[in-house]
Amino acid sequence: MNNIKKSILASIETKIMIVSDEIFLAELEKIGSQIITALKLDKKVLAAGNGGSAADAQHFVAELAGQFIHKRKGLSAMALTANSSIITAIGNDFGYEQVFSRQIEGFGRQGDIFVGISTSGNSQNLIQAMQSAKNIGITTVGLLGKGGGLMKDLCDLKLIVPSDNTQHIQEAHIMIIHELCALIDNAFKNYF
C-alpha cells in the first residue's frame, strides 16, 4: 500500500510543479494559440510518438478530429502512428528512424504544426521528424521529459515535464494534451 501511495503522490508532485511554473503555463497557452491559428488558416496538426506516446498522439488528434467537449466541425489532425502499412513499409524500406520523417515529407505543408511526444526526447525517429518538419516550414512542438533530450533544441515550442520518471511524464503529457484540447475546443466551439 505504501508504494502505491508514494507513486501517486510523486505523480501529484510533478503536476504541482507544472501548475506552479508560470513559464511552463505560458508556453502551454502559446502552443494552444499557435495550433488554433494554424487550424484557422486551414493548416493541420500532425502528431507522433513511440509506445505510450504513440497512443497519446492518437488520443490528441482524435479529440481534435472528433470532439473534446463542444460539438463542432472536425479539425484537421493526423497521427503519424496510426497507419501500420505506412509504418511497416517505411520501416522495412528505409529504416525505423524514418517512419515519421517520410510521412512529414508526404503529408506536411508549410504552416502546419508537428507535435512530437517523447518521454526522453531522444527518439531518433522523432528527431528526424523534427528536422524534416523544420525543412518544410512546419512549426515543431515537443512534449518532452527527462530534461528534453536532443529534441529540445529542435522544437520551436516545448513543454518539458519536470521529471525523470517515465510513468509520471506520460501522466503529465496526457494532462497537457487535455489542456491543449480544452483551449482549442473553446476557440472552435461555434465552428460548424
N, C-alpha and C. Protein backbone atom coordinates (compact mmCIF):
# COMPACT_ATOMS: atom_id res chain seq x y z
N MET A 1 0.82 -1.20 0.00
CA MET A 1 0.00 0.00 0.00
C MET A 1 0.86 1.26 0.00
N ASN A 2 1.96 1.26 0.74
CA ASN A 2 2.82 2.45 0.81
C ASN A 2 3.44 2.79 -0.55
N ASN A 3 3.82 1.77 -1.32
CA ASN A 3 4.40 2.02 -2.64
C ASN A 3 3.39 2.67 -3.58
N ILE A 4 2.14 2.22 -3.48
CA ILE A 4 1.09 2.82 -4.31
C ILE A 4 0.92 4.29 -3.95
N LYS A 5 0.84 4.58 -2.66
CA LYS A 5 0.68 5.97 -2.21
C LYS A 5 1.86 6.83 -2.63
N LYS A 6 3.08 6.29 -2.51
CA LYS A 6 4.27 7.04 -2.90
C LYS A 6 4.25 7.37 -4.39
N SER A 7 3.85 6.41 -5.20
CA SER A 7 3.81 6.63 -6.64
C SER A 7 2.77 7.68 -7.01
N ILE A 8 1.59 7.59 -6.42
CA ILE A 8 0.53 8.56 -6.71
C ILE A 8 0.95 9.95 -6.23
N LEU A 9 1.54 10.03 -5.05
CA LEU A 9 2.00 11.33 -4.55
C LEU A 9 3.10 11.92 -5.41
N ALA A 10 3.98 11.08 -5.94
CA ALA A 10 5.04 11.57 -6.83
C ALA A 10 4.43 12.13 -8.12
N SER A 11 3.38 11.48 -8.62
CA SER A 11 2.69 11.97 -9.81
C SER A 11 2.04 13.32 -9.52
N ILE A 12 1.41 13.43 -8.37
CA ILE A 12 0.77 14.69 -7.97
C ILE A 12 1.82 15.79 -7.82
N GLU A 13 2.95 15.46 -7.23
CA GLU A 13 4.03 16.45 -7.06
C GLU A 13 4.53 16.97 -8.40
N THR A 14 4.62 16.08 -9.40
CA THR A 14 5.02 16.52 -10.75
C THR A 14 4.02 17.53 -11.29
N LYS A 15 2.74 17.25 -11.13
CA LYS A 15 1.70 18.17 -11.61
C LYS A 15 1.69 19.47 -10.82
N ILE A 16 2.00 19.41 -9.54
CA ILE A 16 2.09 20.64 -8.73
C ILE A 16 3.25 21.51 -9.22
N MET A 17 4.36 20.87 -9.58
CA MET A 17 5.50 21.64 -10.14
C MET A 17 5.08 22.33 -11.43
N ILE A 18 4.31 21.64 -12.26
CA ILE A 18 3.84 22.22 -13.52
C ILE A 18 2.92 23.40 -13.25
N VAL A 19 1.93 23.20 -12.42
CA VAL A 19 0.93 24.25 -12.18
C VAL A 19 1.54 25.45 -11.44
N SER A 20 2.67 25.26 -10.79
CA SER A 20 3.36 26.34 -10.08
C SER A 20 4.35 27.09 -10.96
N ASP A 21 4.56 26.61 -12.18
CA ASP A 21 5.56 27.18 -13.08
C ASP A 21 4.88 28.08 -14.11
N GLU A 22 4.91 29.38 -13.88
CA GLU A 22 4.23 30.33 -14.77
C GLU A 22 4.79 30.30 -16.19
N ILE A 23 6.09 30.06 -16.33
CA ILE A 23 6.70 29.99 -17.66
C ILE A 23 6.16 28.78 -18.42
N PHE A 24 6.06 27.65 -17.74
CA PHE A 24 5.51 26.43 -18.33
C PHE A 24 4.08 26.67 -18.80
N LEU A 25 3.27 27.27 -17.92
CA LEU A 25 1.86 27.51 -18.26
C LEU A 25 1.72 28.50 -19.42
N ALA A 26 2.59 29.50 -19.47
CA ALA A 26 2.56 30.47 -20.58
C ALA A 26 2.93 29.77 -21.88
N GLU A 27 3.89 28.85 -21.84
CA GLU A 27 4.29 28.11 -23.04
C GLU A 27 3.15 27.20 -23.50
N LEU A 28 2.45 26.58 -22.56
CA LEU A 28 1.30 25.74 -22.89
C LEU A 28 0.24 26.58 -23.60
N GLU A 29 -0.03 27.75 -23.07
CA GLU A 29 -1.01 28.65 -23.69
C GLU A 29 -0.55 29.10 -25.07
N LYS A 30 0.74 29.36 -25.22
CA LYS A 30 1.30 29.77 -26.51
C LYS A 30 1.16 28.65 -27.54
N ILE A 31 1.42 27.42 -27.13
CA ILE A 31 1.27 26.28 -28.03
C ILE A 31 -0.19 26.17 -28.48
N GLY A 32 -1.11 26.29 -27.53
CA GLY A 32 -2.54 26.26 -27.88
C GLY A 32 -2.89 27.34 -28.88
N SER A 33 -2.40 28.55 -28.67
CA SER A 33 -2.67 29.67 -29.58
C SER A 33 -2.11 29.42 -30.97
N GLN A 34 -0.89 28.85 -31.04
CA GLN A 34 -0.28 28.56 -32.35
C GLN A 34 -1.08 27.50 -33.10
N ILE A 35 -1.55 26.49 -32.38
CA ILE A 35 -2.35 25.45 -33.02
C ILE A 35 -3.68 26.03 -33.51
N ILE A 36 -4.31 26.85 -32.68
CA ILE A 36 -5.57 27.50 -33.07
C ILE A 36 -5.38 28.34 -34.32
N THR A 37 -4.33 29.13 -34.35
CA THR A 37 -4.05 29.98 -35.52
C THR A 37 -3.85 29.13 -36.77
N ALA A 38 -3.05 28.08 -36.64
CA ALA A 38 -2.80 27.20 -37.79
C ALA A 38 -4.10 26.58 -38.30
N LEU A 39 -4.92 26.07 -37.40
CA LEU A 39 -6.18 25.44 -37.80
C LEU A 39 -7.12 26.44 -38.46
N LYS A 40 -7.14 27.67 -37.95
CA LYS A 40 -7.99 28.71 -38.56
C LYS A 40 -7.50 29.09 -39.95
N LEU A 41 -6.24 28.84 -40.24
CA LEU A 41 -5.67 29.10 -41.57
C LEU A 41 -5.72 27.86 -42.46
N ASP A 42 -6.55 26.88 -42.06
CA ASP A 42 -6.72 25.63 -42.80
C ASP A 42 -5.44 24.80 -42.88
N LYS A 43 -4.60 24.92 -41.88
CA LYS A 43 -3.41 24.06 -41.76
C LYS A 43 -3.81 22.87 -40.90
N LYS A 44 -2.88 21.95 -40.70
CA LYS A 44 -3.21 20.75 -39.94
C LYS A 44 -2.20 20.49 -38.83
N VAL A 45 -2.62 19.64 -37.90
CA VAL A 45 -1.77 19.18 -36.82
C VAL A 45 -1.36 17.75 -37.12
N LEU A 46 -0.06 17.50 -37.13
CA LEU A 46 0.49 16.15 -37.26
C LEU A 46 1.10 15.79 -35.91
N ALA A 47 0.91 14.57 -35.46
CA ALA A 47 1.45 14.18 -34.15
C ALA A 47 2.03 12.78 -34.22
N ALA A 48 3.07 12.55 -33.41
CA ALA A 48 3.71 11.24 -33.39
C ALA A 48 4.42 11.01 -32.07
N GLY A 49 4.64 9.76 -31.75
CA GLY A 49 5.39 9.33 -30.59
C GLY A 49 5.58 7.83 -30.70
N ASN A 50 6.27 7.25 -29.74
CA ASN A 50 6.52 5.81 -29.72
C ASN A 50 5.89 5.21 -28.47
N GLY A 51 5.40 4.00 -28.59
CA GLY A 51 4.83 3.31 -27.43
C GLY A 51 3.64 4.06 -26.85
N GLY A 52 3.69 4.32 -25.54
CA GLY A 52 2.61 5.07 -24.90
C GLY A 52 2.44 6.46 -25.49
N SER A 53 3.53 7.05 -25.96
CA SER A 53 3.46 8.37 -26.59
C SER A 53 2.78 8.30 -27.95
N ALA A 54 2.85 7.16 -28.62
CA ALA A 54 2.10 6.96 -29.86
C ALA A 54 0.61 6.99 -29.56
N ALA A 55 0.23 6.33 -28.48
CA ALA A 55 -1.18 6.35 -28.07
C ALA A 55 -1.62 7.76 -27.70
N ASP A 56 -0.73 8.51 -27.06
CA ASP A 56 -1.06 9.91 -26.72
C ASP A 56 -1.25 10.75 -27.98
N ALA A 57 -0.41 10.53 -29.00
CA ALA A 57 -0.55 11.26 -30.26
C ALA A 57 -1.90 10.95 -30.90
N GLN A 58 -2.28 9.69 -30.89
CA GLN A 58 -3.56 9.29 -31.46
C GLN A 58 -4.72 9.85 -30.65
N HIS A 59 -4.59 9.84 -29.34
CA HIS A 59 -5.62 10.41 -28.47
C HIS A 59 -5.80 11.90 -28.78
N PHE A 60 -4.69 12.63 -28.90
CA PHE A 60 -4.73 14.06 -29.17
C PHE A 60 -5.48 14.36 -30.47
N VAL A 61 -5.09 13.70 -31.55
CA VAL A 61 -5.73 14.01 -32.83
C VAL A 61 -7.18 13.52 -32.86
N ALA A 62 -7.50 12.47 -32.12
CA ALA A 62 -8.90 12.02 -32.05
C ALA A 62 -9.78 13.09 -31.41
N GLU A 63 -9.26 13.76 -30.39
CA GLU A 63 -10.03 14.84 -29.73
C GLU A 63 -10.20 16.03 -30.67
N LEU A 64 -9.22 16.26 -31.56
CA LEU A 64 -9.31 17.38 -32.50
C LEU A 64 -10.21 17.03 -33.68
N ALA A 65 -9.99 15.87 -34.28
CA ALA A 65 -10.78 15.49 -35.45
C ALA A 65 -12.22 15.15 -35.07
N GLY A 66 -12.41 14.63 -33.87
CA GLY A 66 -13.75 14.32 -33.39
C GLY A 66 -14.30 15.50 -32.62
N GLN A 67 -14.27 15.38 -31.33
CA GLN A 67 -14.66 16.49 -30.46
C GLN A 67 -14.06 16.24 -29.09
N PHE A 68 -13.88 17.30 -28.35
CA PHE A 68 -13.40 17.18 -26.97
C PHE A 68 -14.59 17.39 -26.04
N ILE A 69 -15.08 18.60 -25.96
CA ILE A 69 -16.25 18.90 -25.14
C ILE A 69 -17.41 19.37 -26.02
N HIS A 70 -17.14 20.38 -26.85
CA HIS A 70 -18.18 21.00 -27.66
C HIS A 70 -18.41 20.25 -28.97
N LYS A 71 -19.67 20.16 -29.35
CA LYS A 71 -19.98 19.63 -30.68
C LYS A 71 -19.59 20.70 -31.68
N ARG A 72 -18.78 20.31 -32.65
CA ARG A 72 -18.27 21.24 -33.65
C ARG A 72 -17.81 20.45 -34.85
N LYS A 73 -17.46 21.17 -35.90
CA LYS A 73 -16.89 20.54 -37.08
C LYS A 73 -15.53 19.92 -36.71
N GLY A 74 -15.17 18.85 -37.36
CA GLY A 74 -13.87 18.22 -37.11
C GLY A 74 -12.72 19.11 -37.54
N LEU A 75 -11.64 19.04 -36.81
CA LEU A 75 -10.44 19.83 -37.11
C LEU A 75 -9.42 18.94 -37.80
N SER A 76 -8.56 19.53 -38.60
CA SER A 76 -7.60 18.79 -39.41
C SER A 76 -6.42 18.33 -38.56
N ALA A 77 -6.41 17.05 -38.23
CA ALA A 77 -5.36 16.49 -37.38
C ALA A 77 -5.12 15.03 -37.77
N MET A 78 -3.86 14.63 -37.70
CA MET A 78 -3.50 13.29 -38.15
C MET A 78 -2.36 12.73 -37.30
N ALA A 79 -2.52 11.50 -36.85
CA ALA A 79 -1.46 10.81 -36.10
C ALA A 79 -0.61 10.02 -37.09
N LEU A 80 0.69 10.24 -37.06
CA LEU A 80 1.60 9.54 -37.95
C LEU A 80 1.93 8.14 -37.44
N THR A 81 1.26 7.74 -36.37
CA THR A 81 1.49 6.44 -35.74
C THR A 81 0.41 5.42 -36.08
N ALA A 82 -0.63 5.85 -36.81
CA ALA A 82 -1.84 5.04 -36.90
C ALA A 82 -1.92 4.12 -38.11
N ASN A 83 -1.14 4.35 -39.16
CA ASN A 83 -1.25 3.54 -40.36
C ASN A 83 -0.13 2.49 -40.37
N SER A 84 -0.51 1.26 -40.00
CA SER A 84 0.51 0.21 -39.88
C SER A 84 1.17 -0.13 -41.21
N SER A 85 0.44 0.02 -42.32
CA SER A 85 1.05 -0.27 -43.63
C SER A 85 2.14 0.74 -43.96
N ILE A 86 1.87 2.03 -43.69
CA ILE A 86 2.90 3.05 -43.93
C ILE A 86 4.11 2.81 -43.03
N ILE A 87 3.85 2.59 -41.74
CA ILE A 87 4.94 2.42 -40.79
C ILE A 87 5.81 1.21 -41.14
N THR A 88 5.17 0.10 -41.48
CA THR A 88 5.97 -1.10 -41.78
C THR A 88 6.67 -0.99 -43.13
N ALA A 89 6.05 -0.34 -44.11
CA ALA A 89 6.71 -0.16 -45.41
C ALA A 89 7.94 0.74 -45.28
N ILE A 90 7.77 1.88 -44.62
CA ILE A 90 8.90 2.80 -44.45
C ILE A 90 9.97 2.14 -43.57
N GLY A 91 9.55 1.51 -42.49
CA GLY A 91 10.50 0.83 -41.60
C GLY A 91 11.30 -0.23 -42.33
N ASN A 92 10.64 -0.98 -43.19
CA ASN A 92 11.31 -2.04 -43.94
C ASN A 92 12.22 -1.48 -45.03
N ASP A 93 11.74 -0.47 -45.74
CA ASP A 93 12.48 0.03 -46.90
C ASP A 93 13.54 1.08 -46.55
N PHE A 94 13.31 1.86 -45.49
CA PHE A 94 14.21 2.98 -45.19
C PHE A 94 14.79 2.94 -43.77
N GLY A 95 14.19 2.15 -42.89
CA GLY A 95 14.62 2.08 -41.51
C GLY A 95 13.62 2.78 -40.60
N TYR A 96 13.51 2.27 -39.39
CA TYR A 96 12.52 2.78 -38.44
C TYR A 96 12.77 4.25 -38.09
N GLU A 97 13.99 4.71 -38.21
CA GLU A 97 14.31 6.10 -37.89
C GLU A 97 13.57 7.07 -38.80
N GLN A 98 13.09 6.60 -39.96
CA GLN A 98 12.44 7.48 -40.93
C GLN A 98 10.93 7.33 -41.00
N VAL A 99 10.32 6.54 -40.10
CA VAL A 99 8.88 6.29 -40.21
C VAL A 99 8.03 7.56 -40.09
N PHE A 100 8.51 8.55 -39.36
CA PHE A 100 7.74 9.79 -39.23
C PHE A 100 8.23 10.86 -40.21
N SER A 101 9.53 10.96 -40.43
CA SER A 101 10.05 12.00 -41.32
C SER A 101 9.54 11.82 -42.75
N ARG A 102 9.45 10.58 -43.23
CA ARG A 102 8.93 10.34 -44.59
C ARG A 102 7.46 10.75 -44.68
N GLN A 103 6.70 10.50 -43.63
CA GLN A 103 5.29 10.91 -43.64
C GLN A 103 5.16 12.43 -43.62
N ILE A 104 6.02 13.08 -42.86
CA ILE A 104 6.01 14.55 -42.83
C ILE A 104 6.33 15.10 -44.21
N GLU A 105 7.29 14.49 -44.89
CA GLU A 105 7.62 14.91 -46.26
C GLU A 105 6.41 14.76 -47.18
N GLY A 106 5.61 13.72 -46.97
CA GLY A 106 4.45 13.47 -47.83
C GLY A 106 3.21 14.27 -47.46
N PHE A 107 2.93 14.36 -46.17
CA PHE A 107 1.69 14.99 -45.72
C PHE A 107 1.85 16.43 -45.24
N GLY A 108 3.04 16.78 -44.80
CA GLY A 108 3.25 18.08 -44.18
C GLY A 108 3.36 19.21 -45.18
N ARG A 109 2.85 20.36 -44.79
CA ARG A 109 2.94 21.57 -45.61
C ARG A 109 3.36 22.73 -44.72
N GLN A 110 3.99 23.71 -45.33
CA GLN A 110 4.41 24.89 -44.58
C GLN A 110 3.22 25.46 -43.82
N GLY A 111 3.45 25.81 -42.57
CA GLY A 111 2.40 26.37 -41.73
C GLY A 111 1.68 25.35 -40.87
N ASP A 112 1.88 24.06 -41.14
CA ASP A 112 1.31 23.01 -40.29
C ASP A 112 2.03 23.02 -38.94
N ILE A 113 1.51 22.22 -38.03
CA ILE A 113 2.12 22.03 -36.70
C ILE A 113 2.46 20.56 -36.55
N PHE A 114 3.69 20.27 -36.12
CA PHE A 114 4.06 18.89 -35.79
C PHE A 114 4.29 18.80 -34.29
N VAL A 115 3.58 17.88 -33.64
CA VAL A 115 3.73 17.64 -32.20
C VAL A 115 4.43 16.31 -32.02
N GLY A 116 5.67 16.36 -31.52
CA GLY A 116 6.44 15.16 -31.22
C GLY A 116 6.40 14.91 -29.72
N ILE A 117 5.98 13.70 -29.35
CA ILE A 117 5.81 13.35 -27.94
C ILE A 117 6.84 12.29 -27.57
N SER A 118 7.67 12.61 -26.57
CA SER A 118 8.74 11.68 -26.17
C SER A 118 9.08 11.90 -24.70
N THR A 119 9.09 10.85 -23.93
CA THR A 119 9.44 10.99 -22.52
C THR A 119 10.92 11.29 -22.34
N SER A 120 11.76 10.82 -23.28
CA SER A 120 13.21 11.04 -23.17
C SER A 120 13.71 12.21 -24.01
N GLY A 121 13.00 12.48 -25.11
CA GLY A 121 13.47 13.50 -26.05
C GLY A 121 14.60 13.01 -26.94
N ASN A 122 14.86 11.72 -26.93
CA ASN A 122 16.00 11.17 -27.68
C ASN A 122 15.62 10.14 -28.73
N SER A 123 14.35 10.03 -29.07
CA SER A 123 13.91 9.06 -30.08
C SER A 123 14.38 9.51 -31.46
N GLN A 124 15.19 8.68 -32.11
CA GLN A 124 15.77 9.05 -33.40
C GLN A 124 14.72 9.33 -34.46
N ASN A 125 13.62 8.57 -34.46
CA ASN A 125 12.61 8.81 -35.48
C ASN A 125 11.90 10.15 -35.27
N LEU A 126 11.79 10.59 -34.03
CA LEU A 126 11.19 11.90 -33.76
C LEU A 126 12.19 13.03 -34.03
N ILE A 127 13.45 12.79 -33.75
CA ILE A 127 14.49 13.78 -34.08
C ILE A 127 14.51 14.03 -35.58
N GLN A 128 14.49 12.95 -36.38
CA GLN A 128 14.47 13.11 -37.83
C GLN A 128 13.18 13.77 -38.30
N ALA A 129 12.06 13.46 -37.64
CA ALA A 129 10.79 14.09 -37.99
C ALA A 129 10.84 15.59 -37.73
N MET A 130 11.43 15.98 -36.61
CA MET A 130 11.57 17.41 -36.28
C MET A 130 12.42 18.12 -37.35
N GLN A 131 13.50 17.48 -37.77
CA GLN A 131 14.37 18.08 -38.78
C GLN A 131 13.63 18.22 -40.11
N SER A 132 12.88 17.20 -40.51
CA SER A 132 12.10 17.28 -41.75
C SER A 132 11.05 18.37 -41.66
N ALA A 133 10.39 18.46 -40.53
CA ALA A 133 9.36 19.49 -40.34
C ALA A 133 9.96 20.88 -40.46
N LYS A 134 11.09 21.09 -39.83
CA LYS A 134 11.74 22.40 -39.89
C LYS A 134 12.14 22.75 -41.33
N ASN A 135 12.59 21.76 -42.10
CA ASN A 135 12.97 21.99 -43.50
C ASN A 135 11.79 22.45 -44.35
N ILE A 136 10.59 22.00 -43.99
CA ILE A 136 9.38 22.34 -44.75
C ILE A 136 8.77 23.66 -44.29
N GLY A 137 9.09 24.09 -43.07
CA GLY A 137 8.47 25.29 -42.52
C GLY A 137 7.29 24.96 -41.63
N ILE A 138 7.32 23.79 -41.03
CA ILE A 138 6.29 23.35 -40.10
C ILE A 138 6.74 23.73 -38.69
N THR A 139 5.85 24.29 -37.90
CA THR A 139 6.16 24.62 -36.50
C THR A 139 6.30 23.33 -35.72
N THR A 140 7.39 23.20 -34.98
CA THR A 140 7.66 21.98 -34.21
C THR A 140 7.38 22.21 -32.73
N VAL A 141 6.59 21.29 -32.18
CA VAL A 141 6.21 21.34 -30.77
C VAL A 141 6.66 20.04 -30.12
N GLY A 142 7.31 20.12 -28.98
CA GLY A 142 7.74 18.93 -28.25
C GLY A 142 7.05 18.83 -26.91
N LEU A 143 6.48 17.67 -26.64
CA LEU A 143 6.04 17.32 -25.28
C LEU A 143 7.07 16.32 -24.81
N LEU A 144 7.90 16.75 -23.86
CA LEU A 144 9.10 16.01 -23.50
C LEU A 144 9.18 15.76 -22.01
N GLY A 145 10.22 15.07 -21.60
CA GLY A 145 10.54 14.83 -20.20
C GLY A 145 12.04 14.64 -20.08
N LYS A 146 12.48 14.29 -18.90
CA LYS A 146 13.89 13.96 -18.65
C LYS A 146 14.86 15.02 -19.18
N GLY A 147 14.50 16.27 -19.02
CA GLY A 147 15.36 17.37 -19.45
C GLY A 147 15.24 17.75 -20.91
N GLY A 148 14.46 17.00 -21.68
CA GLY A 148 14.19 17.36 -23.07
C GLY A 148 15.03 16.64 -24.10
N GLY A 149 16.15 16.05 -23.69
CA GLY A 149 16.99 15.29 -24.62
C GLY A 149 17.43 16.11 -25.82
N LEU A 150 17.74 15.42 -26.90
CA LEU A 150 18.21 16.07 -28.12
C LEU A 150 17.10 16.83 -28.84
N MET A 151 15.86 16.44 -28.61
CA MET A 151 14.74 17.08 -29.31
C MET A 151 14.53 18.53 -28.88
N LYS A 152 14.88 18.85 -27.65
CA LYS A 152 14.55 20.19 -27.13
C LYS A 152 15.11 21.31 -27.99
N ASP A 153 16.26 21.09 -28.60
CA ASP A 153 16.86 22.13 -29.44
C ASP A 153 16.25 22.20 -30.84
N LEU A 154 15.42 21.22 -31.19
CA LEU A 154 14.77 21.21 -32.49
C LEU A 154 13.33 21.72 -32.43
N CYS A 155 12.87 22.02 -31.23
CA CYS A 155 11.48 22.44 -31.04
C CYS A 155 11.36 23.96 -31.08
N ASP A 156 10.38 24.43 -31.84
CA ASP A 156 10.05 25.86 -31.80
C ASP A 156 9.39 26.19 -30.47
N LEU A 157 8.57 25.25 -30.00
CA LEU A 157 7.87 25.38 -28.72
C LEU A 157 8.00 24.04 -28.01
N LYS A 158 8.15 24.08 -26.69
CA LYS A 158 8.31 22.81 -25.98
C LYS A 158 7.82 22.91 -24.55
N LEU A 159 7.35 21.78 -24.07
CA LEU A 159 6.99 21.61 -22.67
C LEU A 159 7.76 20.41 -22.15
N ILE A 160 8.66 20.67 -21.23
CA ILE A 160 9.47 19.60 -20.66
C ILE A 160 8.95 19.32 -19.25
N VAL A 161 8.34 18.16 -19.09
CA VAL A 161 7.81 17.78 -17.78
C VAL A 161 8.97 17.61 -16.81
N PRO A 162 8.88 18.25 -15.64
CA PRO A 162 9.99 18.22 -14.68
C PRO A 162 10.07 16.90 -13.91
N SER A 163 10.42 15.83 -14.63
CA SER A 163 10.52 14.51 -14.01
C SER A 163 11.44 13.64 -14.84
N ASP A 164 12.05 12.65 -14.19
CA ASP A 164 12.83 11.62 -14.87
C ASP A 164 12.09 10.29 -14.86
N ASN A 165 10.89 10.27 -14.31
CA ASN A 165 10.10 9.05 -14.19
C ASN A 165 9.15 8.95 -15.39
N THR A 166 9.35 7.96 -16.25
CA THR A 166 8.56 7.82 -17.48
C THR A 166 7.07 7.80 -17.19
N GLN A 167 6.67 7.07 -16.18
CA GLN A 167 5.26 6.97 -15.82
C GLN A 167 4.67 8.35 -15.53
N HIS A 168 5.35 9.14 -14.73
CA HIS A 168 4.82 10.45 -14.35
C HIS A 168 4.89 11.45 -15.50
N ILE A 169 5.88 11.29 -16.36
CA ILE A 169 5.96 12.13 -17.56
C ILE A 169 4.75 11.85 -18.46
N GLN A 170 4.45 10.57 -18.68
CA GLN A 170 3.31 10.21 -19.52
C GLN A 170 2.00 10.70 -18.92
N GLU A 171 1.86 10.59 -17.60
CA GLU A 171 0.65 11.08 -16.94
C GLU A 171 0.52 12.59 -17.12
N ALA A 172 1.62 13.30 -17.05
CA ALA A 172 1.59 14.75 -17.26
C ALA A 172 1.32 15.08 -18.73
N HIS A 173 1.86 14.30 -19.65
CA HIS A 173 1.62 14.55 -21.07
C HIS A 173 0.14 14.48 -21.41
N ILE A 174 -0.56 13.48 -20.88
CA ILE A 174 -1.98 13.38 -21.20
C ILE A 174 -2.76 14.54 -20.56
N MET A 175 -2.34 14.99 -19.40
CA MET A 175 -2.96 16.17 -18.80
C MET A 175 -2.73 17.40 -19.69
N ILE A 176 -1.52 17.57 -20.18
CA ILE A 176 -1.18 18.69 -21.07
C ILE A 176 -2.01 18.61 -22.35
N ILE A 177 -2.12 17.42 -22.92
CA ILE A 177 -2.92 17.23 -24.13
C ILE A 177 -4.36 17.64 -23.87
N HIS A 178 -4.91 17.25 -22.74
CA HIS A 178 -6.29 17.64 -22.43
C HIS A 178 -6.43 19.15 -22.26
N GLU A 179 -5.43 19.79 -21.68
CA GLU A 179 -5.48 21.25 -21.54
C GLU A 179 -5.40 21.93 -22.91
N LEU A 180 -4.55 21.41 -23.79
CA LEU A 180 -4.49 21.94 -25.16
C LEU A 180 -5.82 21.74 -25.87
N CYS A 181 -6.40 20.57 -25.72
CA CYS A 181 -7.70 20.29 -26.35
C CYS A 181 -8.77 21.24 -25.84
N ALA A 182 -8.75 21.55 -24.55
CA ALA A 182 -9.73 22.48 -23.99
C ALA A 182 -9.57 23.87 -24.59
N LEU A 183 -8.33 24.35 -24.72
CA LEU A 183 -8.08 25.66 -25.33
C LEU A 183 -8.56 25.68 -26.78
N ILE A 184 -8.21 24.65 -27.52
CA ILE A 184 -8.57 24.56 -28.94
C ILE A 184 -10.08 24.42 -29.09
N ASP A 185 -10.67 23.55 -28.30
CA ASP A 185 -12.11 23.30 -28.37
C ASP A 185 -12.89 24.59 -28.10
N ASN A 186 -12.45 25.35 -27.12
CA ASN A 186 -13.14 26.58 -26.78
C ASN A 186 -13.08 27.58 -27.95
N ALA A 187 -11.95 27.61 -28.64
CA ALA A 187 -11.79 28.53 -29.78
C ALA A 187 -12.67 28.14 -30.97
N PHE A 188 -13.05 26.88 -31.05
CA PHE A 188 -13.83 26.40 -32.19
C PHE A 188 -15.24 25.94 -31.79
N LYS A 189 -15.72 26.35 -30.61
CA LYS A 189 -17.00 25.81 -30.13
C LYS A 189 -18.19 26.19 -30.99
N ASN A 190 -18.08 27.25 -31.79
CA ASN A 190 -19.16 27.64 -32.69
C ASN A 190 -18.80 27.35 -34.15
N TYR A 191 -17.91 26.39 -34.35
CA TYR A 191 -17.40 26.04 -35.69
C TYR A 191 -18.20 24.88 -36.24
N PHE A 192 -19.10 25.18 -37.20
CA PHE A 192 -19.95 24.12 -37.76
C PHE A 192 -19.84 24.10 -39.27
